[in-house]
PDB file of N, CA and C in Angstrom:
ATOM      1  N   MET A   1    -126.127 164.483 -13.628  1.00  0.00           N
ATOM      2  CA  MET A   1    -126.555 165.298 -12.504  1.00  0.00           C
ATOM      3  C   MET A   1    -125.938 166.686 -12.569  1.00  0.00           C
ATOM      4  N   GLY A   2    -124.719 166.788 -13.043  1.00  0.00           N
ATOM      5  CA  GLY A   2    -124.046 168.074 -13.108  1.00  0.00           C
ATOM      6  C   GLY A   2    -124.717 169.038 -14.062  1.00  0.00           C
ATOM      7  N   GLU A   3    -125.490 168.509 -15.008  1.00  0.00           N
ATOM      8  CA  GLU A   3    -126.188 169.357 -15.972  1.00  0.00           C
ATOM      9  C   GLU A   3    -127.598 169.724 -15.507  1.00  0.00           C
ATOM     10  N   PHE A   4    -128.047 169.143 -14.403  1.00  0.00           N
ATOM     11  CA  PHE A   4    -129.375 169.458 -13.877  1.00  0.00           C
ATOM     12  C   PHE A   4    -129.348 170.779 -13.130  1.00  0.00           C
ATOM     13  N   THR A   5    -130.477 171.480 -13.148  1.00  0.00           N
ATOM     14  CA  THR A   5    -130.635 172.676 -12.332  1.00  0.00           C
ATOM     15  C   THR A   5    -130.765 172.232 -10.872  1.00  0.00           C
ATOM     16  N   PRO A   6    -130.607 173.156  -9.910  1.00  0.00           N
ATOM     17  CA  PRO A   6    -130.811 172.768  -8.506  1.00  0.00           C
ATOM     18  C   PRO A   6    -132.195 172.150  -8.255  1.00  0.00           C
ATOM     19  N   ASP A   7    -133.236 172.669  -8.888  1.00  0.00           N
ATOM     20  CA  ASP A   7    -134.570 172.082  -8.722  1.00  0.00           C
ATOM     21  C   ASP A   7    -134.633 170.667  -9.282  1.00  0.00           C
ATOM     22  N   GLN A   8    -133.993 170.438 -10.424  1.00  0.00           N
ATOM     23  CA  GLN A   8    -133.974 169.103 -11.014  1.00  0.00           C
ATOM     24  C   GLN A   8    -133.151 168.150 -10.157  1.00  0.00           C
ATOM     25  N   GLN A   9    -132.081 168.639  -9.545  1.00  0.00           N
ATOM     26  CA  GLN A   9    -131.277 167.800  -8.655  1.00  0.00           C
ATOM     27  C   GLN A   9    -132.086 167.385  -7.434  1.00  0.00           C
ATOM     28  N   ARG A  10    -132.872 168.303  -6.882  1.00  0.00           N
ATOM     29  CA  ARG A  10    -133.744 167.958  -5.738  1.00  0.00           C
ATOM     30  C   ARG A  10    -134.787 166.922  -6.156  1.00  0.00           C
ATOM     31  N   ALA A  11    -135.365 167.122  -7.348  1.00  0.00           N
ATOM     32  CA  ALA A  11    -136.365 166.174  -7.836  1.00  0.00           C
ATOM     33  C   ALA A  11    -135.740 164.793  -8.072  1.00  0.00           C
ATOM     34  N   PHE A  12    -134.506 164.759  -8.575  1.00  0.00           N
ATOM     35  CA  PHE A  12    -133.808 163.486  -8.769  1.00  0.00           C
ATOM     36  C   PHE A  12    -133.598 162.787  -7.432  1.00  0.00           C
ATOM     37  N   CYS A  13    -133.163 163.547  -6.448  1.00  0.00           N
ATOM     38  CA  CYS A  13    -132.949 162.994  -5.105  1.00  0.00           C
ATOM     39  C   CYS A  13    -134.248 162.405  -4.559  1.00  0.00           C
ATOM     40  N   GLN A  14    -135.333 163.144  -4.708  1.00  0.00           N
ATOM     41  CA  GLN A  14    -136.647 162.672  -4.255  1.00  0.00           C
ATOM     42  C   GLN A  14    -137.051 161.408  -5.013  1.00  0.00           C
ATOM     43  N   PHE A  15    -136.813 161.383  -6.308  1.00  0.00           N
ATOM     44  CA  PHE A  15    -137.176 160.245  -7.154  1.00  0.00           C
ATOM     45  C   PHE A  15    -136.415 158.989  -6.743  1.00  0.00           C
ATOM     46  N   VAL A  16    -135.106 159.125  -6.509  1.00  0.00           N
ATOM     47  CA  VAL A  16    -134.259 157.956  -6.244  1.00  0.00           C
ATOM     48  C   VAL A  16    -134.312 157.504  -4.792  1.00  0.00           C
ATOM     49  N   THR A  17    -134.352 158.451  -3.854  1.00  0.00           N
ATOM     50  CA  THR A  17    -134.264 158.081  -2.438  1.00  0.00           C
ATOM     51  C   THR A  17    -135.593 158.160  -1.702  1.00  0.00           C
ATOM     52  N   GLY A  18    -136.537 158.910  -2.253  1.00  0.00           N
ATOM     53  CA  GLY A  18    -137.805 159.124  -1.558  1.00  0.00           C
ATOM     54  C   GLY A  18    -137.723 160.255  -0.558  1.00  0.00           C
ATOM     55  N   ALA A  19    -136.548 160.865  -0.418  1.00  0.00           N
ATOM     56  CA  ALA A  19    -136.345 161.973   0.517  1.00  0.00           C
ATOM     57  C   ALA A  19    -136.095 163.257  -0.286  1.00  0.00           C
ATOM     58  N   PRO A  20    -136.550 164.393   0.218  1.00  0.00           N
ATOM     59  CA  PRO A  20    -136.405 165.641  -0.538  1.00  0.00           C
ATOM     60  C   PRO A  20    -134.972 166.163  -0.621  1.00  0.00           C
ATOM     61  N   ARG A  21    -134.088 165.687   0.243  1.00  0.00           N
ATOM     62  CA  ARG A  21    -132.687 166.118   0.178  1.00  0.00           C
ATOM     63  C   ARG A  21    -131.783 165.014   0.703  1.00  0.00           C
ATOM     64  N   LEU A  22    -130.519 165.137   0.338  1.00  0.00           N
ATOM     65  CA  LEU A  22    -129.521 164.166   0.790  1.00  0.00           C
ATOM     66  C   LEU A  22    -129.153 164.431   2.244  1.00  0.00           C
ATOM     67  N   PRO A  23    -128.638 163.423   2.938  1.00  0.00           N
ATOM     68  CA  PRO A  23    -128.186 163.647   4.312  1.00  0.00           C
ATOM     69  C   PRO A  23    -126.945 164.543   4.318  1.00  0.00           C
ATOM     70  N   PRO A  24    -126.615 165.140   5.465  1.00  0.00           N
ATOM     71  CA  PRO A  24    -125.365 165.907   5.543  1.00  0.00           C
ATOM     72  C   PRO A  24    -124.193 165.017   5.124  1.00  0.00           C
ATOM     73  N   GLY A  25    -123.400 165.498   4.201  1.00  0.00           N
ATOM     74  CA  GLY A  25    -122.312 164.687   3.654  1.00  0.00           C
ATOM     75  C   GLY A  25    -122.613 164.207   2.250  1.00  0.00           C
ATOM     76  N   GLY A  26    -123.872 164.365   1.807  1.00  0.00           N
ATOM     77  CA  GLY A  26    -124.248 164.055   0.432  1.00  0.00           C
ATOM     78  C   GLY A  26    -124.274 162.588   0.072  1.00  0.00           C
ATOM     79  N   LEU A  27    -124.047 162.330  -1.214  1.00  0.00           N
ATOM     80  CA  LEU A  27    -124.104 160.961  -1.739  1.00  0.00           C
ATOM     81  C   LEU A  27    -123.111 160.035  -1.050  1.00  0.00           C
ATOM     82  N   ALA A  28    -121.995 160.576  -0.597  1.00  0.00           N
ATOM     83  CA  ALA A  28    -120.947 159.749   0.007  1.00  0.00           C
ATOM     84  C   ALA A  28    -121.423 159.038   1.268  1.00  0.00           C
ATOM     85  N   VAL A  29    -122.371 159.620   1.983  1.00  0.00           N
ATOM     86  CA  VAL A  29    -122.837 159.006   3.230  1.00  0.00           C
ATOM     87  C   VAL A  29    -124.229 158.393   3.107  1.00  0.00           C
ATOM     88  N   LEU A  30    -124.778 158.387   1.906  1.00  0.00           N
ATOM     89  CA  LEU A  30    -126.100 157.805   1.694  1.00  0.00           C
ATOM     90  C   LEU A  30    -126.073 156.335   2.082  1.00  0.00           C
ATOM     91  N   ASN A  31    -127.060 155.901   2.868  1.00  0.00           N
ATOM     92  CA  ASN A  31    -127.115 154.518   3.317  1.00  0.00           C
ATOM     93  C   ASN A  31    -128.515 153.974   3.119  1.00  0.00           C
ATOM     94  N   PRO A  32    -128.702 152.941   2.299  1.00  0.00           N
ATOM     95  CA  PRO A  32    -127.687 152.252   1.520  1.00  0.00           C
ATOM     96  C   PRO A  32    -127.144 153.141   0.395  1.00  0.00           C
ATOM     97  N   LYS A  33    -125.973 152.793  -0.105  1.00  0.00           N
ATOM     98  CA  LYS A  33    -125.320 153.552  -1.170  1.00  0.00           C
ATOM     99  C   LYS A  33    -126.196 153.577  -2.418  1.00  0.00           C
ATOM    100  N   LEU A  34    -126.101 154.668  -3.176  1.00  0.00           N
ATOM    101  CA  LEU A  34    -126.799 154.767  -4.447  1.00  0.00           C
ATOM    102  C   LEU A  34    -126.221 153.723  -5.396  1.00  0.00           C
ATOM    103  N   THR A  35    -127.100 152.906  -5.965  1.00  0.00           N
ATOM    104  CA  THR A  35    -126.696 151.872  -6.910  1.00  0.00           C
ATOM    105  C   THR A  35    -127.419 152.122  -8.223  1.00  0.00           C
ATOM    106  N   ILE A  36    -126.669 152.106  -9.308  1.00  0.00           N
ATOM    107  CA  ILE A  36    -127.248 152.283 -10.641  1.00  0.00           C
ATOM    108  C   ILE A  36    -126.950 151.020 -11.432  1.00  0.00           C
ATOM    109  N   VAL A  37    -128.022 150.415 -11.957  1.00  0.00           N
ATOM    110  CA  VAL A  37    -127.879 149.175 -12.719  1.00  0.00           C
ATOM    111  C   VAL A  37    -128.566 149.307 -14.067  1.00  0.00           C
ATOM    112  N   ARG A  38    -128.214 148.403 -14.961  1.00  0.00           N
ATOM    113  CA  ARG A  38    -128.834 148.356 -16.283  1.00  0.00           C
ATOM    114  C   ARG A  38    -130.213 147.724 -16.173  1.00  0.00           C
ATOM    115  N   LYS A  39    -131.202 148.394 -16.720  1.00  0.00           N
ATOM    116  CA  LYS A  39    -132.568 147.877 -16.733  1.00  0.00           C
ATOM    117  C   LYS A  39    -132.809 147.196 -18.076  1.00  0.00           C
ATOM    118  N   HIS A  40    -133.304 145.987 -18.017  1.00  0.00           N
ATOM    119  CA  HIS A  40    -133.611 145.270 -19.247  1.00  0.00           C
ATOM    120  C   HIS A  40    -134.907 145.795 -19.830  1.00  0.00           C
ATOM    121  N   SER A  41    -135.029 145.716 -21.134  1.00  0.00           N
ATOM    122  CA  SER A  41    -136.185 146.251 -21.853  1.00  0.00           C
ATOM    123  C   SER A  41    -137.486 145.646 -21.340  1.00  0.00           C
ATOM    124  N   SER A  42    -138.518 146.480 -21.301  1.00  0.00           N
ATOM    125  CA  SER A  42    -139.824 146.008 -20.849  1.00  0.00           C
ATOM    126  C   SER A  42    -140.537 145.206 -21.926  1.00  0.00           C
ATOM    127  N   THR A  43    -140.034 145.279 -23.162  1.00  0.00           N
ATOM    128  CA  THR A  43    -140.612 144.495 -24.249  1.00  0.00           C
ATOM    129  C   THR A  43    -139.683 143.350 -24.576  1.00  0.00           C
ATOM    130  N   GLY A  44    -140.236 142.214 -24.798  1.00  0.00           N
ATOM    131  CA  GLY A  44    -139.433 141.030 -25.063  1.00  0.00           C
ATOM    132  C   GLY A  44    -138.874 140.975 -26.467  1.00  0.00           C
ATOM    133  N   ASN A  45    -139.403 141.766 -27.397  1.00  0.00           N
ATOM    134  CA  ASN A  45    -138.967 141.681 -28.785  1.00  0.00           C
ATOM    135  C   ASN A  45    -138.249 142.957 -29.205  1.00  0.00           C
ATOM    136  N   SER A  46    -137.100 143.198 -28.591  1.00  0.00           N
ATOM    137  CA  SER A  46    -136.314 144.367 -28.960  1.00  0.00           C
ATOM    138  C   SER A  46    -135.282 143.973 -30.000  1.00  0.00           C
ATOM    139  N   THR A  47    -134.897 144.939 -30.810  1.00  0.00           N
ATOM    140  CA  THR A  47    -133.856 144.694 -31.795  1.00  0.00           C
ATOM    141  C   THR A  47    -132.601 145.422 -31.355  1.00  0.00           C
ATOM    142  N   THR A  48    -131.494 144.990 -31.884  1.00  0.00           N
ATOM    143  CA  THR A  48    -130.217 145.569 -31.498  1.00  0.00           C
ATOM    144  C   THR A  48    -129.652 146.352 -32.669  1.00  0.00           C
ATOM    145  N   ASN A  49    -129.137 147.538 -32.380  1.00  0.00           N
ATOM    146  CA  ASN A  49    -128.525 148.335 -33.436  1.00  0.00           C
ATOM    147  C   ASN A  49    -127.049 147.978 -33.556  1.00  0.00           C
ATOM    148  N   GLY A  50    -126.309 148.650 -34.412  1.00  0.00           N
ATOM    149  CA  GLY A  50    -124.913 148.339 -34.673  1.00  0.00           C
ATOM    150  C   GLY A  50    -124.016 148.472 -33.460  1.00  0.00           C
ATOM    151  N   SER A  51    -124.401 149.292 -32.479  1.00  0.00           N
ATOM    152  CA  SER A  51    -123.558 149.464 -31.290  1.00  0.00           C
ATOM    153  C   SER A  51    -123.908 148.463 -30.193  1.00  0.00           C
ATOM    154  N   GLY A  52    -124.835 147.550 -30.468  1.00  0.00           N
ATOM    155  CA  GLY A  52    -125.186 146.527 -29.497  1.00  0.00           C
ATOM    156  C   GLY A  52    -126.222 146.966 -28.482  1.00  0.00           C
ATOM    157  N   GLN A  53    -126.835 148.130 -28.685  1.00  0.00           N
ATOM    158  CA  GLN A  53    -127.841 148.615 -27.746  1.00  0.00           C
ATOM    159  C   GLN A  53    -129.233 148.363 -28.294  1.00  0.00           C
ATOM    160  N   SER A  54    -130.158 148.152 -27.397  1.00  0.00           N
ATOM    161  CA  SER A  54    -131.529 147.855 -27.762  1.00  0.00           C
ATOM    162  C   SER A  54    -132.237 149.121 -28.230  1.00  0.00           C
ATOM    163  N   GLU A  55    -132.863 149.058 -29.405  1.00  0.00           N
ATOM    164  CA  GLU A  55    -133.586 150.224 -29.914  1.00  0.00           C
ATOM    165  C   GLU A  55    -134.821 150.511 -29.074  1.00  0.00           C
ATOM    166  N   SER A  56    -135.457 149.474 -28.516  1.00  0.00           N
ATOM    167  CA  SER A  56    -136.654 149.709 -27.711  1.00  0.00           C
ATOM    168  C   SER A  56    -136.308 150.308 -26.354  1.00  0.00           C
ATOM    169  N   ALA A  57    -135.051 150.238 -25.937  1.00  0.00           N
ATOM    170  CA  ALA A  57    -134.644 150.819 -24.660  1.00  0.00           C
ATOM    171  C   ALA A  57    -134.914 152.319 -24.644  1.00  0.00           C
ATOM    172  N   ASP A  58    -134.839 152.970 -25.793  1.00  0.00           N
ATOM    173  CA  ASP A  58    -135.097 154.406 -25.858  1.00  0.00           C
ATOM    174  C   ASP A  58    -136.551 154.741 -25.542  1.00  0.00           C
ATOM    175  N   ASP A  59    -137.434 153.759 -25.603  1.00  0.00           N
ATOM    176  CA  ASP A  59    -138.844 153.963 -25.272  1.00  0.00           C
ATOM    177  C   ASP A  59    -139.123 153.759 -23.790  1.00  0.00           C
ATOM    178  N   ASP A  60    -138.215 153.100 -23.084  1.00  0.00           N
ATOM    179  CA  ASP A  60    -138.410 152.779 -21.670  1.00  0.00           C
ATOM    180  C   ASP A  60    -138.020 153.941 -20.768  1.00  0.00           C
ATOM    181  N   LEU A  61    -138.627 153.974 -19.594  1.00  0.00           N
ATOM    182  CA  LEU A  61    -138.288 154.976 -18.585  1.00  0.00           C
ATOM    183  C   LEU A  61    -137.401 154.349 -17.511  1.00  0.00           C
ATOM    184  N   PRO A  62    -136.587 155.172 -16.870  1.00  0.00           N
ATOM    185  CA  PRO A  62    -135.838 154.658 -15.723  1.00  0.00           C
ATOM    186  C   PRO A  62    -136.807 154.322 -14.600  1.00  0.00           C
ATOM    187  N   SER A  63    -136.392 153.441 -13.708  1.00  0.00           N
ATOM    188  CA  SER A  63    -137.226 153.106 -12.562  1.00  0.00           C
ATOM    189  C   SER A  63    -136.347 153.036 -11.322  1.00  0.00           C
ATOM    190  N   VAL A  64    -136.989 153.028 -10.167  1.00  0.00           N
ATOM    191  CA  VAL A  64    -136.248 153.074  -8.911  1.00  0.00           C
ATOM    192  C   VAL A  64    -136.860 152.148  -7.874  1.00  0.00           C
ATOM    193  N   MET A  65    -136.034 151.833  -6.873  1.00  0.00           N
ATOM    194  CA  MET A  65    -136.486 151.212  -5.628  1.00  0.00           C
ATOM    195  C   MET A  65    -135.972 152.146  -4.540  1.00  0.00           C
ATOM    196  N   THR A  66    -136.836 153.024  -4.063  1.00  0.00           N
ATOM    197  CA  THR A  66    -136.405 154.066  -3.133  1.00  0.00           C
ATOM    198  C   THR A  66    -135.895 153.515  -1.813  1.00  0.00           C
ATOM    199  N   CYS A  67    -136.426 152.390  -1.363  1.00  0.00           N
ATOM    200  CA  CYS A  67    -135.990 151.832  -0.080  1.00  0.00           C
ATOM    201  C   CYS A  67    -134.532 151.379  -0.131  1.00  0.00           C
ATOM    202  N   ALA A  68    -134.027 151.094  -1.334  1.00  0.00           N
ATOM    203  CA  ALA A  68    -132.652 150.632  -1.485  1.00  0.00           C
ATOM    204  C   ALA A  68    -131.771 151.638  -2.223  1.00  0.00           C
ATOM    205  N   ASN A  69    -132.313 152.830  -2.542  1.00  0.00           N
ATOM    206  CA  ASN A  69    -131.574 153.840  -3.318  1.00  0.00           C
ATOM    207  C   ASN A  69    -131.017 153.202  -4.593  1.00  0.00           C
ATOM    208  N   TYR A  70    -131.893 152.566  -5.340  1.00  0.00           N
ATOM    209  CA  TYR A  70    -131.539 151.713  -6.469  1.00  0.00           C
ATOM    210  C   TYR A  70    -132.166 152.292  -7.728  1.00  0.00           C
ATOM    211  N   LEU A  71    -131.346 152.756  -8.676  1.00  0.00           N
ATOM    212  CA  LEU A  71    -131.816 153.341  -9.934  1.00  0.00           C
ATOM    213  C   LEU A  71    -131.552 152.360 -11.061  1.00  0.00           C
ATOM    214  N   LYS A  72    -132.598 152.052 -11.819  1.00  0.00           N
ATOM    215  CA  LYS A  72    -132.476 151.129 -12.945  1.00  0.00           C
ATOM    216  C   LYS A  72    -132.613 151.935 -14.239  1.00  0.00           C
ATOM    217  N   LEU A  73    -131.524 151.986 -15.018  1.00  0.00           N
ATOM    218  CA  LEU A  73    -131.495 152.749 -16.268  1.00  0.00           C
ATOM    219  C   LEU A  73    -131.447 151.817 -17.468  1.00  0.00           C
ATOM    220  N   PRO A  74    -132.353 152.014 -18.430  1.00  0.00           N
ATOM    221  CA  PRO A  74    -132.245 151.254 -19.676  1.00  0.00           C
ATOM    222  C   PRO A  74    -130.971 151.663 -20.420  1.00  0.00           C
ATOM    223  N   PRO A  75    -130.474 150.819 -21.312  1.00  0.00           N
ATOM    224  CA  PRO A  75    -129.283 151.169 -22.092  1.00  0.00           C
ATOM    225  C   PRO A  75    -129.639 152.106 -23.243  1.00  0.00           C
ATOM    226  N   TYR A  76    -129.842 153.367 -22.916  1.00  0.00           N
ATOM    227  CA  TYR A  76    -130.245 154.354 -23.925  1.00  0.00           C
ATOM    228  C   TYR A  76    -129.182 154.494 -25.011  1.00  0.00           C
ATOM    229  N   SER A  77    -129.620 154.882 -26.193  1.00  0.00           N
ATOM    230  CA  SER A  77    -128.705 155.001 -27.326  1.00  0.00           C
ATOM    231  C   SER A  77    -127.884 156.284 -27.285  1.00  0.00           C
ATOM    232  N   SER A  78    -128.286 157.263 -26.461  1.00  0.00           N
ATOM    233  CA  SER A  78    -127.519 158.507 -26.376  1.00  0.00           C
ATOM    234  C   SER A  78    -127.701 159.161 -25.013  1.00  0.00           C
ATOM    235  N   LYS A  79    -126.769 160.019 -24.685  1.00  0.00           N
ATOM    236  CA  LYS A  79    -126.834 160.776 -23.436  1.00  0.00           C
ATOM    237  C   LYS A  79    -128.052 161.703 -23.438  1.00  0.00           C
ATOM    238  N   GLU A  80    -128.377 162.261 -24.595  1.00  0.00           N
ATOM    239  CA  GLU A  80    -129.514 163.171 -24.706  1.00  0.00           C
ATOM    240  C   GLU A  80    -130.827 162.466 -24.385  1.00  0.00           C
ATOM    241  N   ILE A  81    -130.980 161.243 -24.868  1.00  0.00           N
ATOM    242  CA  ILE A  81    -132.205 160.485 -24.585  1.00  0.00           C
ATOM    243  C   ILE A  81    -132.264 160.144 -23.100  1.00  0.00           C
ATOM    244  N   MET A  82    -131.133 159.736 -22.520  1.00  0.00           N
ATOM    245  CA  MET A  82    -131.107 159.437 -21.091  1.00  0.00           C
ATOM    246  C   MET A  82    -131.506 160.678 -20.281  1.00  0.00           C
ATOM    247  N   HIS A  83    -130.976 161.828 -20.640  1.00  0.00           N
ATOM    248  CA  HIS A  83    -131.283 163.074 -19.938  1.00  0.00           C
ATOM    249  C   HIS A  83    -132.780 163.380 -20.021  1.00  0.00           C
ATOM    250  N   LYS A  84    -133.332 163.269 -21.215  1.00  0.00           N
ATOM    251  CA  LYS A  84    -134.758 163.539 -21.437  1.00  0.00           C
ATOM    252  C   LYS A  84    -135.642 162.573 -20.631  1.00  0.00           C
ATOM    253  N   LYS A  85    -135.313 161.285 -20.661  1.00  0.00           N
ATOM    254  CA  LYS A  85    -136.113 160.281 -19.955  1.00  0.00           C
ATOM    255  C   LYS A  85    -136.003 160.439 -18.437  1.00  0.00           C
ATOM    256  N   LEU A  86    -134.806 160.766 -17.941  1.00  0.00           N
ATOM    257  CA  LEU A  86    -134.645 161.002 -16.501  1.00  0.00           C
ATOM    258  C   LEU A  86    -135.468 162.198 -16.056  1.00  0.00           C
ATOM    259  N   LEU A  87    -135.409 163.287 -16.817  1.00  0.00           N
ATOM    260  CA  LEU A  87    -136.193 164.470 -16.455  1.00  0.00           C
ATOM    261  C   LEU A  87    -137.684 164.167 -16.459  1.00  0.00           C
ATOM    262  N   TYR A  88    -138.136 163.405 -17.447  1.00  0.00           N
ATOM    263  CA  TYR A  88    -139.549 163.034 -17.492  1.00  0.00           C
ATOM    264  C   TYR A  88    -139.928 162.200 -16.274  1.00  0.00           C
ATOM    265  N   ALA A  89    -139.101 161.207 -15.962  1.00  0.00           N
ATOM    266  CA  ALA A  89    -139.400 160.311 -14.837  1.00  0.00           C
ATOM    267  C   ALA A  89    -139.400 161.062 -13.510  1.00  0.00           C
ATOM    268  N   ILE A  90    -138.428 161.952 -13.305  1.00  0.00           N
ATOM    269  CA  ILE A  90    -138.371 162.636 -12.013  1.00  0.00           C
ATOM    270  C   ILE A  90    -139.479 163.664 -11.866  1.00  0.00           C
ATOM    271  N   SER A  91    -139.966 164.202 -12.976  1.00  0.00           N
ATOM    272  CA  SER A  91    -141.055 165.182 -12.855  1.00  0.00           C
ATOM    273  C   SER A  91    -142.424 164.522 -12.819  1.00  0.00           C
ATOM    274  N   GLU A  92    -142.629 163.516 -13.622  1.00  0.00           N
ATOM    275  CA  GLU A  92    -143.942 162.861 -13.699  1.00  0.00           C
ATOM    276  C   GLU A  92    -144.104 161.724 -12.704  1.00  0.00           C
ATOM    277  N   GLY A  93    -142.999 161.185 -12.198  1.00  0.00           N
ATOM    278  CA  GLY A  93    -143.073 160.036 -11.300  1.00  0.00           C
ATOM    279  C   GLY A  93    -143.111 160.385  -9.828  1.00  0.00           C
ATOM    280  N   GLN A  94    -143.132 161.666  -9.494  1.00  0.00           N
ATOM    281  CA  GLN A  94    -143.136 162.078  -8.082  1.00  0.00           C
ATOM    282  C   GLN A  94    -144.401 161.560  -7.392  1.00  0.00           C
ATOM    283  N   GLY A  95    -144.208 160.882  -6.270  1.00  0.00           N
ATOM    284  CA  GLY A  95    -145.334 160.402  -5.473  1.00  0.00           C
ATOM    285  C   GLY A  95    -146.053 159.215  -6.090  1.00  0.00           C
ATOM    286  N   SER A  96    -145.425 158.560  -7.049  1.00  0.00           N
ATOM    287  CA  SER A  96    -146.070 157.443  -7.723  1.00  0.00           C
ATOM    288  C   SER A  96    -145.212 156.195  -7.615  1.00  0.00           C
ATOM    289  N   PHE A  97    -145.849 155.057  -7.488  1.00  0.00           N
ATOM    290  CA  PHE A  97    -145.136 153.791  -7.485  1.00  0.00           C
ATOM    291  C   PHE A  97    -145.196 153.123  -8.854  1.00  0.00           C
ATOM    292  N   ASP A  98    -145.695 153.840  -9.861  1.00  0.00           N
ATOM    293  CA  ASP A  98    -145.828 153.269 -11.194  1.00  0.00           C
ATOM    294  C   ASP A  98    -144.486 153.034 -11.862  1.00  0.00           C
ATOM    295  N   LEU A  99    -143.435 153.746 -11.461  1.00  0.00           N
ATOM    296  CA  LEU A  99    -142.136 153.637 -12.104  1.00  0.00           C
ATOM    297  C   LEU A  99    -141.167 152.811 -11.293  1.00  0.00           C
ATOM    298  N   SER A 100    -141.661 151.825 -10.559  1.00  0.00           N
ATOM    299  CA  SER A 100    -140.766 150.998  -9.737  1.00  0.00           C
ATOM    300  C   SER A 100    -140.348 149.749 -10.464  1.00  0.00           C
TER     301      SER A 100
END
């Protein structure tokens, strides 16, 4: 989040919570609290690389449950891939329930 622009931070907030901005007090007072969990691969036949991470996870997008402020992140192989996939999801997933 610290590497996102202010516009990307607003889009992330909208993506995860369904609201265009955080309540006064920010993430600390968000109710329910923001929860980030590992998302299992959408394909049943993933292979594992030497670091124990699923190679197919890099193909998956993050998903959310906005009513619970719940972000599900696949175990991406790098921070760069996670950043790219999050930006794609927050920009293309606005107003859609396809990424739940």
